[in-house]
Amino acid sequence: MTKNELIKKVRVKCKIYPQRDIALAVQAILDAIVVALKKNDRIEIRGFGVFTVRERKSRMARNPKSGARVALKDRRVAFFKTGKDLRLRVDNRR
């Protein structure tokens, strides 16, 4: 699902709000998540999951196309761990 598709689905449920306002709300939520992750904060959405930042150490990797060795530097990556309720709902157990 793309961001536009998400906005349209929210619009169907919240018909009293213009699509422009819903788009602003969705963007504000995404921006808040990005800002929090940049500050190395943990974002917990109960029943949905947790966003955190993980540190990856430098290592040697391979380019899958050419097979050439590539050096990867230290980096920080966003990580999402699903909540129990989301896992159960996706698995059709709730």
PDB file of N, CA and C in Angstrom:
ATOM      1  N   MET A   1       0.845  -1.174   0.000  1.00  0.00           N
ATOM      2  CA  MET A   1       0.000   0.000   0.000  1.00  0.00           C
ATOM      3  C   MET A   1       0.890   1.237   0.000  1.00  0.00           C
ATOM      4  N   THR A   2       0.565   2.162  -0.856  1.00  0.00           N
ATOM      5  CA  THR A   2       1.304   3.412  -0.919  1.00  0.00           C
ATOM      6  C   THR A   2       0.690   4.426   0.050  1.00  0.00           C
ATOM      7  N   LYS A   3       1.385   5.542   0.236  1.00  0.00           N
ATOM      8  CA  LYS A   3       0.870   6.584   1.117  1.00  0.00           C
ATOM      9  C   LYS A   3      -0.449   7.130   0.577  1.00  0.00           C
ATOM     10  N   ASN A   4      -0.549   7.303  -0.730  1.00  0.00           N
ATOM     11  CA  ASN A   4      -1.801   7.790  -1.335  1.00  0.00           C
ATOM     12  C   ASN A   4      -2.947   6.819  -1.096  1.00  0.00           C
ATOM     13  N   GLU A   5      -2.678   5.532  -1.220  1.00  0.00           N
ATOM     14  CA  GLU A   5      -3.722   4.535  -0.968  1.00  0.00           C
ATOM     15  C   GLU A   5      -4.159   4.569   0.493  1.00  0.00           C
ATOM     16  N   LEU A   6      -3.220   4.762   1.405  1.00  0.00           N
ATOM     17  CA  LEU A   6      -3.545   4.876   2.824  1.00  0.00           C
ATOM     18  C   LEU A   6      -4.438   6.092   3.063  1.00  0.00           C
ATOM     19  N   ILE A   7      -4.098   7.201   2.472  1.00  0.00           N
ATOM     20  CA  ILE A   7      -4.894   8.420   2.624  1.00  0.00           C
ATOM     21  C   ILE A   7      -6.312   8.190   2.113  1.00  0.00           C
ATOM     22  N   LYS A   8      -6.449   7.526   0.980  1.00  0.00           N
ATOM     23  CA  LYS A   8      -7.777   7.257   0.417  1.00  0.00           C
ATOM     24  C   LYS A   8      -8.588   6.331   1.318  1.00  0.00           C
ATOM     25  N   LYS A   9      -7.949   5.334   1.929  1.00  0.00           N
ATOM     26  CA  LYS A   9      -8.660   4.424   2.837  1.00  0.00           C
ATOM     27  C   LYS A   9      -9.130   5.162   4.087  1.00  0.00           C
ATOM     28  N   VAL A  10      -8.296   6.049   4.612  1.00  0.00           N
ATOM     29  CA  VAL A  10      -8.698   6.841   5.779  1.00  0.00           C
ATOM     30  C   VAL A  10      -9.838   7.772   5.374  1.00  0.00           C
ATOM     31  N   ARG A  11      -9.788   8.316   4.192  1.00  0.00           N
ATOM     32  CA  ARG A  11     -10.837   9.220   3.687  1.00  0.00           C
ATOM     33  C   ARG A  11     -12.182   8.519   3.633  1.00  0.00           C
ATOM     34  N   VAL A  12     -12.195   7.232   3.271  1.00  0.00           N
ATOM     35  CA  VAL A  12     -13.445   6.475   3.215  1.00  0.00           C
ATOM     36  C   VAL A  12     -14.058   6.343   4.613  1.00  0.00           C
ATOM     37  N   LYS A  13     -13.220   6.179   5.627  1.00  0.00           N
ATOM     38  CA  LYS A  13     -13.710   6.032   7.006  1.00  0.00           C
ATOM     39  C   LYS A  13     -14.043   7.370   7.654  1.00  0.00           C
ATOM     40  N   CYS A  14     -13.378   8.430   7.242  1.00  0.00           N
ATOM     41  CA  CYS A  14     -13.566   9.755   7.856  1.00  0.00           C
ATOM     42  C   CYS A  14     -14.026  10.738   6.794  1.00  0.00           C
ATOM     43  N   LYS A  15     -15.247  10.577   6.343  1.00  0.00           N
ATOM     44  CA  LYS A  15     -15.754  11.360   5.214  1.00  0.00           C
ATOM     45  C   LYS A  15     -15.945  12.839   5.529  1.00  0.00           C
ATOM     46  N   ILE A  16     -15.997  13.195   6.814  1.00  0.00           N
ATOM     47  CA  ILE A  16     -16.233  14.605   7.138  1.00  0.00           C
ATOM     48  C   ILE A  16     -14.992  15.467   6.947  1.00  0.00           C
ATOM     49  N   TYR A  17     -13.828  14.837   6.803  1.00  0.00           N
ATOM     50  CA  TYR A  17     -12.582  15.593   6.630  1.00  0.00           C
ATOM     51  C   TYR A  17     -12.170  15.611   5.164  1.00  0.00           C
ATOM     52  N   PRO A  18     -11.697  16.749   4.681  1.00  0.00           N
ATOM     53  CA  PRO A  18     -11.214  16.794   3.294  1.00  0.00           C
ATOM     54  C   PRO A  18      -9.934  15.954   3.143  1.00  0.00           C
ATOM     55  N   GLN A  19      -9.736  15.457   1.963  1.00  0.00           N
ATOM     56  CA  GLN A  19      -8.570  14.609   1.695  1.00  0.00           C
ATOM     57  C   GLN A  19      -7.277  15.355   1.999  1.00  0.00           C
ATOM     58  N   ARG A  20      -7.242  16.640   1.782  1.00  0.00           N
ATOM     59  CA  ARG A  20      -6.051  17.446   2.059  1.00  0.00           C
ATOM     60  C   ARG A  20      -5.688  17.390   3.540  1.00  0.00           C
ATOM     61  N   ASP A  21      -6.697  17.468   4.416  1.00  0.00           N
ATOM     62  CA  ASP A  21      -6.448  17.409   5.857  1.00  0.00           C
ATOM     63  C   ASP A  21      -5.956  16.026   6.282  1.00  0.00           C
ATOM     64  N   ILE A  22      -6.528  14.998   5.689  1.00  0.00           N
ATOM     65  CA  ILE A  22      -6.093  13.634   6.002  1.00  0.00           C
ATOM     66  C   ILE A  22      -4.656  13.429   5.545  1.00  0.00           C
ATOM     67  N   ALA A  23      -4.322  13.945   4.370  1.00  0.00           N
ATOM     68  CA  ALA A  23      -2.952  13.832   3.864  1.00  0.00           C
ATOM     69  C   ALA A  23      -1.976  14.541   4.794  1.00  0.00           C
ATOM     70  N   LEU A  24      -2.361  15.709   5.313  1.00  0.00           N
ATOM     71  CA  LEU A  24      -1.511  16.433   6.261  1.00  0.00           C
ATOM     72  C   LEU A  24      -1.324  15.639   7.557  1.00  0.00           C
ATOM     73  N   ALA A  25      -2.394  15.004   8.040  1.00  0.00           N
ATOM     74  CA  ALA A  25      -2.309  14.213   9.265  1.00  0.00           C
ATOM     75  C   ALA A  25      -1.391  13.006   9.077  1.00  0.00           C
ATOM     76  N   VAL A  26      -1.541  12.310   7.962  1.00  0.00           N
ATOM     77  CA  VAL A  26      -0.693  11.142   7.685  1.00  0.00           C
ATOM     78  C   VAL A  26       0.768  11.582   7.582  1.00  0.00           C
ATOM     79  N   GLN A  27       1.024  12.672   6.880  1.00  0.00           N
ATOM     80  CA  GLN A  27       2.394  13.167   6.732  1.00  0.00           C
ATOM     81  C   GLN A  27       2.970  13.601   8.072  1.00  0.00           C
ATOM     82  N   ALA A  28       2.142  14.215   8.924  1.00  0.00           N
ATOM     83  CA  ALA A  28       2.602  14.643  10.248  1.00  0.00           C
ATOM     84  C   ALA A  28       3.004  13.443  11.101  1.00  0.00           C
ATOM     85  N   ILE A  29       2.248  12.368  11.020  1.00  0.00           N
ATOM     86  CA  ILE A  29       2.590  11.151  11.768  1.00  0.00           C
ATOM     87  C   ILE A  29       3.910  10.574  11.268  1.00  0.00           C
ATOM     88  N   LEU A  30       4.056  10.478   9.955  1.00  0.00           N
ATOM     89  CA  LEU A  30       5.298   9.928   9.392  1.00  0.00           C
ATOM     90  C   LEU A  30       6.493  10.817   9.738  1.00  0.00           C
ATOM     91  N   ASP A  31       6.313  12.129   9.663  1.00  0.00           N
ATOM     92  CA  ASP A  31       7.398  13.051  10.009  1.00  0.00           C
ATOM     93  C   ASP A  31       7.794  12.915  11.479  1.00  0.00           C
ATOM     94  N   ALA A  32       6.803  12.753  12.355  1.00  0.00           N
ATOM     95  CA  ALA A  32       7.093  12.588  13.784  1.00  0.00           C
ATOM     96  C   ALA A  32       7.885  11.316  14.042  1.00  0.00           C
ATOM     97  N   ILE A  33       7.568  10.250  13.318  1.00  0.00           N
ATOM     98  CA  ILE A  33       8.317   8.996  13.458  1.00  0.00           C
ATOM     99  C   ILE A  33       9.760   9.199  13.016  1.00  0.00           C
ATOM    100  N   VAL A  34       9.961   9.862  11.889  1.00  0.00           N
ATOM    101  CA  VAL A  34      11.311  10.097  11.370  1.00  0.00           C
ATOM    102  C   VAL A  34      12.128  10.946  12.340  1.00  0.00           C
ATOM    103  N   VAL A  35      11.528  12.010  12.864  1.00  0.00           N
ATOM    104  CA  VAL A  35      12.238  12.892  13.800  1.00  0.00           C
ATOM    105  C   VAL A  35      12.634  12.120  15.054  1.00  0.00           C
ATOM    106  N   ALA A  36      11.722  11.311  15.567  1.00  0.00           N
ATOM    107  CA  ALA A  36      12.021  10.516  16.769  1.00  0.00           C
ATOM    108  C   ALA A  36      13.140   9.517  16.502  1.00  0.00           C
ATOM    109  N   LEU A  37      13.123   8.866  15.356  1.00  0.00           N
ATOM    110  CA  LEU A  37      14.178   7.899  15.034  1.00  0.00           C
ATOM    111  C   LEU A  37      15.524   8.594  14.855  1.00  0.00           C
ATOM    112  N   LYS A  38      15.521   9.783  14.275  1.00  0.00           N
ATOM    113  CA  LYS A  38      16.772  10.533  14.137  1.00  0.00           C
ATOM    114  C   LYS A  38      17.374  10.844  15.499  1.00  0.00           C
ATOM    115  N   LYS A  39      16.509  11.062  16.514  1.00  0.00           N
ATOM    116  CA  LYS A  39      16.977  11.338  17.872  1.00  0.00           C
ATOM    117  C   LYS A  39      17.233  10.046  18.654  1.00  0.00           C
ATOM    118  N   ASN A  40      17.139   8.915  17.964  1.00  0.00           N
ATOM    119  CA  ASN A  40      17.375   7.606  18.564  1.00  0.00           C
ATOM    120  C   ASN A  40      16.302   7.255  19.608  1.00  0.00           C
ATOM    121  N   ASP A  41      15.117   7.843  19.478  1.00  0.00           N
ATOM    122  CA  ASP A  41      14.005   7.527  20.368  1.00  0.00           C
ATOM    123  C   ASP A  41      13.307   6.248  19.907  1.00  0.00           C
ATOM    124  N   ARG A  42      12.579   5.673  20.818  1.00  0.00           N
ATOM    125  CA  ARG A  42      11.799   4.465  20.549  1.00  0.00           C
ATOM    126  C   ARG A  42      10.342   4.892  20.400  1.00  0.00           C
ATOM    127  N   ILE A  43       9.668   4.421  19.339  1.00  0.00           N
ATOM    128  CA  ILE A  43       8.277   4.747  19.109  1.00  0.00           C
ATOM    129  C   ILE A  43       7.455   3.479  19.291  1.00  0.00           C
ATOM    130  N   GLU A  44       6.557   3.491  20.260  1.00  0.00           N
ATOM    131  CA  GLU A  44       5.720   2.323  20.529  1.00  0.00           C
ATOM    132  C   GLU A  44       4.273   2.677  20.247  1.00  0.00           C
ATOM    133  N   ILE A  45       3.662   1.916  19.348  1.00  0.00           N
ATOM    134  CA  ILE A  45       2.241   2.068  19.049  1.00  0.00           C
ATOM    135  C   ILE A  45       1.579   0.779  19.524  1.00  0.00           C
ATOM    136  N   ARG A  46       0.914   0.854  20.668  1.00  0.00           N
ATOM    137  CA  ARG A  46       0.338  -0.327  21.316  1.00  0.00           C
ATOM    138  C   ARG A  46      -0.557  -1.097  20.349  1.00  0.00           C
ATOM    139  N   GLY A  47      -0.372  -2.402  20.327  1.00  0.00           N
ATOM    140  CA  GLY A  47      -1.157  -3.263  19.457  1.00  0.00           C
ATOM    141  C   GLY A  47      -0.663  -3.307  18.026  1.00  0.00           C
ATOM    142  N   PHE A  48       0.262  -2.428  17.678  1.00  0.00           N
ATOM    143  CA  PHE A  48       0.775  -2.369  16.308  1.00  0.00           C
ATOM    144  C   PHE A  48       2.234  -2.790  16.263  1.00  0.00           C
ATOM    145  N   GLY A  49       3.092  -2.088  17.005  1.00  0.00           N
ATOM    146  CA  GLY A  49       4.502  -2.456  17.008  1.00  0.00           C
ATOM    147  C   GLY A  49       5.384  -1.342  17.531  1.00  0.00           C
ATOM    148  N   VAL A  50       6.695  -1.583  17.417  1.00  0.00           N
ATOM    149  CA  VAL A  50       7.693  -0.664  17.951  1.00  0.00           C
ATOM    150  C   VAL A  50       8.721  -0.350  16.867  1.00  0.00           C
ATOM    151  N   PHE A  51       8.993   0.946  16.691  1.00  0.00           N
ATOM    152  CA  PHE A  51      10.058   1.398  15.798  1.00  0.00           C
ATOM    153  C   PHE A  51      11.265   1.740  16.656  1.00  0.00           C
ATOM    154  N   THR A  52      12.430   1.235  16.283  1.00  0.00           N
ATOM    155  CA  THR A  52      13.668   1.574  16.968  1.00  0.00           C
ATOM    156  C   THR A  52      14.765   1.766  15.927  1.00  0.00           C
ATOM    157  N   VAL A  53      15.923   2.215  16.407  1.00  0.00           N
ATOM    158  CA  VAL A  53      17.098   2.361  15.537  1.00  0.00           C
ATOM    159  C   VAL A  53      18.124   1.339  15.985  1.00  0.00           C
ATOM    160  N   ARG A  54      18.694   0.645  15.021  1.00  0.00           N
ATOM    161  CA  ARG A  54      19.748  -0.322  15.315  1.00  0.00           C
ATOM    162  C   ARG A  54      21.040   0.121  14.648  1.00  0.00           C
ATOM    163  N   GLU A  55      22.131  -0.152  15.342  1.00  0.00           N
ATOM    164  CA  GLU A  55      23.454   0.182  14.816  1.00  0.00           C
ATOM    165  C   GLU A  55      23.998  -1.030  14.048  1.00  0.00           C
ATOM    166  N   ARG A  56      24.476  -0.805  12.856  1.00  0.00           N
ATOM    167  CA  ARG A  56      25.109  -1.865  12.057  1.00  0.00           C
ATOM    168  C   ARG A  56      26.595  -1.551  11.952  1.00  0.00           C
ATOM    169  N   LYS A  57      27.430  -2.525  12.241  1.00  0.00           N
ATOM    170  CA  LYS A  57      28.878  -2.329  12.156  1.00  0.00           C
ATOM    171  C   LYS A  57      29.338  -2.427  10.702  1.00  0.00           C
ATOM    172  N   SER A  58      30.505  -1.867  10.445  1.00  0.00           N
ATOM    173  CA  SER A  58      31.060  -1.951   9.097  1.00  0.00           C
ATOM    174  C   SER A  58      31.419  -3.402   8.803  1.00  0.00           C
ATOM    175  N   ARG A  59      31.323  -3.755   7.523  1.00  0.00           N
ATOM    176  CA  ARG A  59      31.642  -5.127   7.126  1.00  0.00           C
ATOM    177  C   ARG A  59      31.895  -5.164   5.622  1.00  0.00           C
ATOM    178  N   MET A  60      32.418  -6.294   5.194  1.00  0.00           N
ATOM    179  CA  MET A  60      32.603  -6.518   3.757  1.00  0.00           C
ATOM    180  C   MET A  60      31.391  -7.274   3.232  1.00  0.00           C
ATOM    181  N   ALA A  61      30.881  -6.825   2.078  1.00  0.00           N
ATOM    182  CA  ALA A  61      29.729  -7.473   1.454  1.00  0.00           C
ATOM    183  C   ALA A  61      30.061  -7.720  -0.015  1.00  0.00           C
ATOM    184  N   ARG A  62      29.141  -8.340  -0.705  1.00  0.00           N
ATOM    185  CA  ARG A  62      29.333  -8.601  -2.137  1.00  0.00           C
ATOM    186  C   ARG A  62      28.209  -7.953  -2.927  1.00  0.00           C
ATOM    187  N   ASN A  63      28.584  -7.391  -4.071  1.00  0.00           N
ATOM    188  CA  ASN A  63      27.595  -6.895  -5.014  1.00  0.00           C
ATOM    189  C   ASN A  63      26.957  -8.121  -5.662  1.00  0.00           C
ATOM    190  N   PRO A  64      25.649  -8.331  -5.517  1.00  0.00           N
ATOM    191  CA  PRO A  64      25.043  -9.557  -6.043  1.00  0.00           C
ATOM    192  C   PRO A  64      25.104  -9.664  -7.569  1.00  0.00           C
ATOM    193  N   LYS A  65      25.181  -8.557  -8.242  1.00  0.00           N
ATOM    194  CA  LYS A  65      25.207  -8.587  -9.705  1.00  0.00           C
ATOM    195  C   LYS A  65      26.589  -8.963 -10.238  1.00  0.00           C
ATOM    196  N   SER A  66      27.629  -8.302  -9.695  1.00  0.00           N
ATOM    197  CA  SER A  66      28.975  -8.526 -10.229  1.00  0.00           C
ATOM    198  C   SER A  66      29.810  -9.467  -9.369  1.00  0.00           C
ATOM    199  N   GLY A  67      29.420  -9.653  -8.118  1.00  0.00           N
ATOM    200  CA  GLY A  67      30.203 -10.497  -7.218  1.00  0.00           C
ATOM    201  C   GLY A  67      31.388  -9.773  -6.595  1.00  0.00           C
ATOM    202  N   ALA A  68      31.563  -8.494  -6.936  1.00  0.00           N
ATOM    203  CA  ALA A  68      32.691  -7.721  -6.406  1.00  0.00           C
ATOM    204  C   ALA A  68      32.488  -7.453  -4.920  1.00  0.00           C
ATOM    205  N   ARG A  69      33.591  -7.404  -4.171  1.00  0.00           N
ATOM    206  CA  ARG A  69      33.516  -7.116  -2.740  1.00  0.00           C
ATOM    207  C   ARG A  69      33.338  -5.613  -2.539  1.00  0.00           C
ATOM    208  N   VAL A  70      32.472  -5.274  -1.583  1.00  0.00           N
ATOM    209  CA  VAL A  70      32.146  -3.878  -1.306  1.00  0.00           C
ATOM    210  C   VAL A  70      32.261  -3.658   0.201  1.00  0.00           C
ATOM    211  N   ALA A  71      32.893  -2.560   0.583  1.00  0.00           N
ATOM    212  CA  ALA A  71      33.019  -2.232   2.005  1.00  0.00           C
ATOM    213  C   ALA A  71      31.809  -1.404   2.426  1.00  0.00           C
ATOM    214  N   LEU A  72      31.112  -1.867   3.458  1.00  0.00           N
ATOM    215  CA  LEU A  72      29.982  -1.132   4.012  1.00  0.00           C
ATOM    216  C   LEU A  72      30.428  -0.456   5.295  1.00  0.00           C
ATOM    217  N   LYS A  73      30.100   0.822   5.445  1.00  0.00           N
ATOM    218  CA  LYS A  73      30.495   1.589   6.625  1.00  0.00           C
ATOM    219  C   LYS A  73      29.508   1.340   7.769  1.00  0.00           C
ATOM    220  N   ASP A  74      29.878   1.804   8.972  1.00  0.00           N
ATOM    221  CA  ASP A  74      28.949   1.790  10.098  1.00  0.00           C
ATOM    222  C   ASP A  74      27.717   2.588   9.691  1.00  0.00           C
ATOM    223  N   ARG A  75      26.553   2.133  10.141  1.00  0.00           N
ATOM    224  CA  ARG A  75      25.339   2.866   9.802  1.00  0.00           C
ATOM    225  C   ARG A  75      24.241   2.568  10.818  1.00  0.00           C
ATOM    226  N   ARG A  76      23.259   3.428  10.821  1.00  0.00           N
ATOM    227  CA  ARG A  76      22.086   3.251  11.670  1.00  0.00           C
ATOM    228  C   ARG A  76      20.915   2.926  10.755  1.00  0.00           C
ATOM    229  N   VAL A  77      20.112   1.946  11.144  1.00  0.00           N
ATOM    230  CA  VAL A  77      18.956   1.563  10.334  1.00  0.00           C
ATOM    231  C   VAL A  77      17.707   1.533  11.201  1.00  0.00           C
ATOM    232  N   ALA A  78      16.587   1.882  10.583  1.00  0.00           N
ATOM    233  CA  ALA A  78      15.303   1.801  11.278  1.00  0.00           C
ATOM    234  C   ALA A  78      14.895   0.333  11.352  1.00  0.00           C
ATOM    235  N   PHE A  79      14.313  -0.046  12.483  1.00  0.00           N
ATOM    236  CA  PHE A  79      13.879  -1.417  12.692  1.00  0.00           C
ATOM    237  C   PHE A  79      12.459  -1.398  13.238  1.00  0.00           C
ATOM    238  N   PHE A  80      11.605  -2.289  12.739  1.00  0.00           N
ATOM    239  CA  PHE A  80      10.225  -2.373  13.208  1.00  0.00           C
ATOM    240  C   PHE A  80       9.964  -3.776  13.723  1.00  0.00           C
ATOM    241  N   LYS A  81       9.452  -3.851  14.932  1.00  0.00           N
ATOM    242  CA  LYS A  81       9.067  -5.138  15.515  1.00  0.00           C
ATOM    243  C   LYS A  81       7.555  -5.111  15.717  1.00  0.00           C
ATOM    244  N   THR A  82       6.869  -6.086  15.128  1.00  0.00           N
ATOM    245  CA  THR A  82       5.412  -6.103  15.219  1.00  0.00           C
ATOM    246  C   THR A  82       4.953  -6.405  16.634  1.00  0.00           C
ATOM    247  N   GLY A  83       3.814  -5.843  16.985  1.00  0.00           N
ATOM    248  CA  GLY A  83       3.188  -6.129  18.265  1.00  0.00           C
ATOM    249  C   GLY A  83       2.436  -7.449  18.199  1.00  0.00           C
ATOM    250  N   LYS A  84       2.134  -8.007  19.349  1.00  0.00           N
ATOM    251  CA  LYS A  84       1.464  -9.297  19.423  1.00  0.00           C
ATOM    252  C   LYS A  84       0.101  -9.252  18.734  1.00  0.00           C
ATOM    253  N   ASP A  85      -0.665  -8.202  18.985  1.00  0.00           N
ATOM    254  CA  ASP A  85      -2.000  -8.097  18.399  1.00  0.00           C
ATOM    255  C   ASP A  85      -1.931  -8.064  16.872  1.00  0.00           C
ATOM    256  N   LEU A  86      -0.985  -7.308  16.321  1.00  0.00           N
ATOM    257  CA  LEU A  86      -0.827  -7.247  14.862  1.00  0.00           C
ATOM    258  C   LEU A  86      -0.436  -8.605  14.299  1.00  0.00           C
ATOM    259  N   ARG A  87       0.507  -9.283  14.953  1.00  0.00           N
ATOM    260  CA  ARG A  87       0.919 -10.616  14.486  1.00  0.00           C
ATOM    261  C   ARG A  87      -0.265 -11.576  14.453  1.00  0.00           C
ATOM    262  N   LEU A  88      -1.082 -11.559  15.500  1.00  0.00           N
ATOM    263  CA  LEU A  88      -2.239 -12.460  15.565  1.00  0.00           C
ATOM    264  C   LEU A  88      -3.279 -12.108  14.510  1.00  0.00           C
ATOM    265  N   ARG A  89      -3.494 -10.828  14.269  1.00  0.00           N
ATOM    266  CA  ARG A  89      -4.476 -10.423  13.274  1.00  0.00           C
ATOM    267  C   ARG A  89      -4.038 -10.782  11.860  1.00  0.00           C
ATOM    268  N   VAL A  90      -2.753 -10.622  11.585  1.00  0.00           N
ATOM    269  CA  VAL A  90      -2.223 -10.975  10.260  1.00  0.00           C
ATOM    270  C   VAL A  90      -2.334 -12.489  10.039  1.00  0.00           C
ATOM    271  N   ASP A  91      -2.155 -13.245  11.118  1.00  0.00           N
ATOM    272  CA  ASP A  91      -2.216 -14.701  11.058  1.00  0.00           C
ATOM    273  C   ASP A  91      -3.641 -15.231  11.179  1.00  0.00           C
ATOM    274  N   ASN A  92      -4.634 -14.340  11.159  1.00  0.00           N
ATOM    275  CA  ASN A  92      -6.064 -14.692  11.250  1.00  0.00           C
ATOM    276  C   ASN A  92      -6.407 -15.451  12.524  1.00  0.00           C
ATOM    277  N   ARG A  93      -5.747 -15.119  13.608  1.00  0.00           N
ATOM    278  CA  ARG A  93      -6.073 -15.750  14.879  1.00  0.00           C
ATOM    279  C   ARG A  93      -6.920 -14.845  15.749  1.00  0.00           C
ATOM    280  N   ARG A  94      -7.218 -13.650  15.281  1.00  0.00           N
ATOM    281  CA  ARG A  94      -8.102 -12.710  15.983  1.00  0.00           C
ATOM    282  C   ARG A  94      -9.010 -12.045  15.026  1.00  0.00           C
TER     283      ARG A  94
END
